[in-house]
């Protein structure tokens, strides 16, 4: 069973790497048009989803019982897989607001959060997990 779980987190991490790479491309661009902005937000959403699911799979391999995104984040913080548990929880809570990209003001706020706060935590997780392979 452990082999299957080990493979699962590594397969999920492989998908996370791809999503992180796409998000990095968006972040590298200074000025986005309204369609690219929506793409950035959607890319963040699926990258974040893969991030917490990769955490969950890795933590389960380590013997933790993880049942929700919040539990995955809290456990990852306790296990020192992530450094800024508060920022992860903030991203978890605010990702629901990001579904409203049709509201230009909310989309601009989301872009700012992604660029200034959330991309950094996703980057840190990427390098942490990369080191565990």
C-alpha atoms as a PDB file:
ATOM      1  CA  UNK A   1       0.000   0.000   0.000  1.00  0.00           C
ATOM      2  CA  UNK A   2       2.797   2.445   0.859  1.00  0.00           C
ATOM      3  CA  UNK A   3       4.228   2.076  -2.646  1.00  0.00           C
ATOM      4  CA  UNK A   4       0.867   3.078  -4.161  1.00  0.00           C
ATOM      5  CA  UNK A   5       0.618   6.152  -1.914  1.00  0.00           C
ATOM      6  CA  UNK A   6       4.246   7.057  -2.644  1.00  0.00           C
ATOM      7  CA  UNK A   7       3.519   6.891  -6.362  1.00  0.00           C
ATOM      8  CA  UNK A   8       0.323   8.918  -5.895  1.00  0.00           C
ATOM      9  CA  UNK A   9       2.013  11.927  -4.305  1.00  0.00           C
ATOM     10  CA  UNK A  10       4.788  11.868  -6.896  1.00  0.00           C
ATOM     11  CA  UNK A  11       2.280  11.655  -9.756  1.00  0.00           C
ATOM     12  CA  UNK A  12       0.278  14.499  -8.242  1.00  0.00           C
ATOM     13  CA  UNK A  13       3.489  16.489  -7.777  1.00  0.00           C
ATOM     14  CA  UNK A  14       4.268  15.961 -11.451  1.00  0.00           C
ATOM     15  CA  UNK A  15       0.950  17.644 -12.302  1.00  0.00           C
ATOM     16  CA  UNK A  16       1.635  20.371  -9.730  1.00  0.00           C
ATOM     17  CA  UNK A  17       4.983  21.074 -11.427  1.00  0.00           C
ATOM     18  CA  UNK A  18       3.227  21.611 -14.748  1.00  0.00           C
ATOM     19  CA  UNK A  19       0.596  23.894 -13.238  1.00  0.00           C
ATOM     20  CA  UNK A  20       3.239  25.813 -11.275  1.00  0.00           C
ATOM     21  CA  UNK A  21       5.209  26.301 -14.493  1.00  0.00           C
ATOM     22  CA  UNK A  22       2.144  27.734 -16.232  1.00  0.00           C
ATOM     23  CA  UNK A  23       1.433  30.045 -13.305  1.00  0.00           C
ATOM     24  CA  UNK A  24       5.067  31.179 -13.370  1.00  0.00           C
ATOM     25  CA  UNK A  25       4.624  32.204 -17.000  1.00  0.00           C
ATOM     26  CA  UNK A  26       1.635  34.372 -16.076  1.00  0.00           C
ATOM     27  CA  UNK A  27       3.542  35.924 -13.160  1.00  0.00           C
ATOM     28  CA  UNK A  28       6.464  36.771 -15.459  1.00  0.00           C
ATOM     29  CA  UNK A  29       4.210  39.015 -17.548  1.00  0.00           C
ATOM     30  CA  UNK A  30       3.785  42.554 -16.259  1.00  0.00           C
ATOM     31  CA  UNK A  31       0.611  43.674 -17.951  1.00  0.00           C
ATOM     32  CA  UNK A  32      -2.269  41.312 -18.619  1.00  0.00           C
ATOM     33  CA  UNK A  33      -5.357  42.051 -20.683  1.00  0.00           C
ATOM     34  CA  UNK A  34      -8.729  41.124 -19.176  1.00  0.00           C
ATOM     35  CA  UNK A  35      -8.714  37.649 -20.722  1.00  0.00           C
ATOM     36  CA  UNK A  36      -5.179  36.928 -19.576  1.00  0.00           C
ATOM     37  CA  UNK A  37      -6.149  38.144 -16.109  1.00  0.00           C
ATOM     38  CA  UNK A  38      -8.968  35.601 -16.027  1.00  0.00           C
ATOM     39  CA  UNK A  39      -6.483  32.976 -17.188  1.00  0.00           C
ATOM     40  CA  UNK A  40      -4.073  33.909 -14.389  1.00  0.00           C
ATOM     41  CA  UNK A  41      -6.807  33.550 -11.787  1.00  0.00           C
ATOM     42  CA  UNK A  42      -8.011  30.224 -13.167  1.00  0.00           C
ATOM     43  CA  UNK A  43      -4.424  28.967 -13.357  1.00  0.00           C
ATOM     44  CA  UNK A  44      -3.916  29.960  -9.717  1.00  0.00           C
ATOM     45  CA  UNK A  45      -7.091  28.101  -8.732  1.00  0.00           C
ATOM     46  CA  UNK A  46      -6.039  24.777 -10.249  1.00  0.00           C
ATOM     47  CA  UNK A  47      -2.428  25.190  -9.105  1.00  0.00           C
ATOM     48  CA  UNK A  48      -3.630  25.805  -5.553  1.00  0.00           C
ATOM     49  CA  UNK A  49      -5.930  22.771  -5.784  1.00  0.00           C
ATOM     50  CA  UNK A  50      -3.033  20.582  -6.894  1.00  0.00           C
ATOM     51  CA  UNK A  51      -0.845  22.065  -4.141  1.00  0.00           C
ATOM     52  CA  UNK A  52      -3.078  21.073  -1.259  1.00  0.00           C
ATOM     53  CA  UNK A  53      -3.859  17.686  -2.804  1.00  0.00           C
ATOM     54  CA  UNK A  54      -0.143  16.996  -3.241  1.00  0.00           C
ATOM     55  CA  UNK A  55       0.380  17.981   0.407  1.00  0.00           C
ATOM     56  CA  UNK A  56      -2.435  15.623   1.388  1.00  0.00           C
ATOM     57  CA  UNK A  57      -0.980  12.693  -0.554  1.00  0.00           C
ATOM     58  CA  UNK A  58       2.515  13.294   0.819  1.00  0.00           C
ATOM     59  CA  UNK A  59       1.254  13.642   4.397  1.00  0.00           C
ATOM     60  CA  UNK A  60      -0.812  10.473   4.107  1.00  0.00           C
ATOM     61  CA  UNK A  61       2.311   8.649   2.987  1.00  0.00           C
ATOM     62  CA  UNK A  62       3.968   9.953   6.149  1.00  0.00           C
ATOM     63  CA  UNK A  63       1.142   8.478   8.230  1.00  0.00           C
ATOM     64  CA  UNK A  64      -1.070  11.521   8.812  1.00  0.00           C
ATOM     65  CA  UNK A  65      -4.848  11.403   8.504  1.00  0.00           C
ATOM     66  CA  UNK A  66      -5.880  14.257   6.209  1.00  0.00           C
ATOM     67  CA  UNK A  67      -9.510  14.757   5.177  1.00  0.00           C
ATOM     68  CA  UNK A  68      -9.892  18.329   3.935  1.00  0.00           C
ATOM     69  CA  UNK A  69      -7.918  21.192   2.392  1.00  0.00           C
ATOM     70  CA  UNK A  70      -7.832  23.011   5.741  1.00  0.00           C
ATOM     71  CA  UNK A  71      -6.564  19.906   7.543  1.00  0.00           C
ATOM     72  CA  UNK A  72      -3.946  19.352   4.831  1.00  0.00           C
ATOM     73  CA  UNK A  73      -2.669  22.905   5.286  1.00  0.00           C
ATOM     74  CA  UNK A  74      -2.691  22.763   9.086  1.00  0.00           C
ATOM     75  CA  UNK A  75      -0.932  19.399   9.112  1.00  0.00           C
ATOM     76  CA  UNK A  76       1.606  20.550   6.502  1.00  0.00           C
ATOM     77  CA  UNK A  77       2.413  23.532   8.709  1.00  0.00           C
ATOM     78  CA  UNK A  78       2.802  21.342  11.806  1.00  0.00           C
ATOM     79  CA  UNK A  79       5.008  18.932   9.841  1.00  0.00           C
ATOM     80  CA  UNK A  80       7.039  21.923   8.563  1.00  0.00           C
ATOM     81  CA  UNK A  81       6.191  21.159   4.951  1.00  0.00           C
ATOM     82  CA  UNK A  82       5.000  24.777   4.601  1.00  0.00           C
ATOM     83  CA  UNK A  83       6.242  27.827   6.511  1.00  0.00           C
ATOM     84  CA  UNK A  84       3.340  30.271   6.425  1.00  0.00           C
ATOM     85  CA  UNK A  85       0.218  28.412   7.491  1.00  0.00           C
ATOM     86  CA  UNK A  86      -1.761  31.639   7.858  1.00  0.00           C
ATOM     87  CA  UNK A  87      -1.106  32.651   4.251  1.00  0.00           C
ATOM     88  CA  UNK A  88      -2.139  29.194   3.025  1.00  0.00           C
ATOM     89  CA  UNK A  89      -5.412  29.435   4.971  1.00  0.00           C
ATOM     90  CA  UNK A  90      -5.949  32.940   3.600  1.00  0.00           C
ATOM     91  CA  UNK A  91      -5.468  31.634   0.046  1.00  0.00           C
ATOM     92  CA  UNK A  92      -7.865  28.778   0.767  1.00  0.00           C
ATOM     93  CA  UNK A  93     -10.541  31.168   1.993  1.00  0.00           C
ATOM     94  CA  UNK A  94     -10.089  33.731  -0.770  1.00  0.00           C
ATOM     95  CA  UNK A  95     -10.026  31.284  -3.662  1.00  0.00           C
ATOM     96  CA  UNK A  96     -13.833  31.168  -3.473  1.00  0.00           C
ATOM     97  CA  UNK A  97     -13.971  34.911  -4.152  1.00  0.00           C
ATOM     98  CA  UNK A  98     -11.875  34.397  -7.249  1.00  0.00           C
ATOM     99  CA  UNK A  99     -14.779  32.721  -9.010  1.00  0.00           C
ATOM    100  CA  UNK A 100     -16.133  36.232  -9.558  1.00  0.00           C
ATOM    101  CA  UNK A 101     -13.621  37.249 -12.231  1.00  0.00           C
ATOM    102  CA  UNK A 102     -16.425  38.961 -14.147  1.00  0.00           C
ATOM    103  CA  UNK A 103     -16.159  41.731 -11.533  1.00  0.00           C
ATOM    104  CA  UNK A 104     -13.125  43.689 -12.720  1.00  0.00           C
ATOM    105  CA  UNK A 105     -12.340  45.109  -9.269  1.00  0.00           C
ATOM    106  CA  UNK A 106     -12.371  41.661  -7.666  1.00  0.00           C
ATOM    107  CA  UNK A 107     -10.236  40.301 -10.498  1.00  0.00           C
ATOM    108  CA  UNK A 108      -7.650  43.057  -9.977  1.00  0.00           C
ATOM    109  CA  UNK A 109      -7.612  42.377  -6.214  1.00  0.00           C
ATOM    110  CA  UNK A 110      -7.158  38.666  -6.907  1.00  0.00           C
ATOM    111  CA  UNK A 111      -4.257  39.361  -9.276  1.00  0.00           C
ATOM    112  CA  UNK A 112      -2.532  41.476  -6.631  1.00  0.00           C
ATOM    113  CA  UNK A 113      -2.898  38.741  -3.995  1.00  0.00           C
ATOM    114  CA  UNK A 114      -1.659  36.073  -6.373  1.00  0.00           C
ATOM    115  CA  UNK A 115       1.367  38.120  -7.424  1.00  0.00           C
ATOM    116  CA  UNK A 116       2.351  39.505  -4.012  1.00  0.00           C
ATOM    117  CA  UNK A 117       1.384  36.744  -1.590  1.00  0.00           C
ATOM    118  CA  UNK A 118       0.131  33.451  -2.965  1.00  0.00           C
ATOM    119  CA  UNK A 119       2.664  32.779  -5.708  1.00  0.00           C
ATOM    120  CA  UNK A 120       5.444  32.866  -3.102  1.00  0.00           C
ATOM    121  CA  UNK A 121       3.874  30.140  -0.943  1.00  0.00           C
ATOM    122  CA  UNK A 122       3.258  27.970  -4.011  1.00  0.00           C
ATOM    123  CA  UNK A 123       6.891  28.497  -5.022  1.00  0.00           C
ATOM    124  CA  UNK A 124       8.163  27.525  -1.569  1.00  0.00           C
ATOM    125  CA  UNK A 125       6.059  24.355  -1.598  1.00  0.00           C
ATOM    126  CA  UNK A 126       7.333  23.509  -5.080  1.00  0.00           C
ATOM    127  CA  UNK A 127      10.972  23.672  -3.974  1.00  0.00           C
ATOM    128  CA  UNK A 128      10.286  21.850  -0.703  1.00  0.00           C
ATOM    129  CA  UNK A 129       8.585  18.956  -2.497  1.00  0.00           C
ATOM    130  CA  UNK A 130      11.234  18.936  -5.210  1.00  0.00           C
ATOM    131  CA  UNK A 131      13.808  18.353  -2.473  1.00  0.00           C
ATOM    132  CA  UNK A 132      11.844  15.402  -1.072  1.00  0.00           C
ATOM    133  CA  UNK A 133      11.831  13.386  -4.285  1.00  0.00           C
END
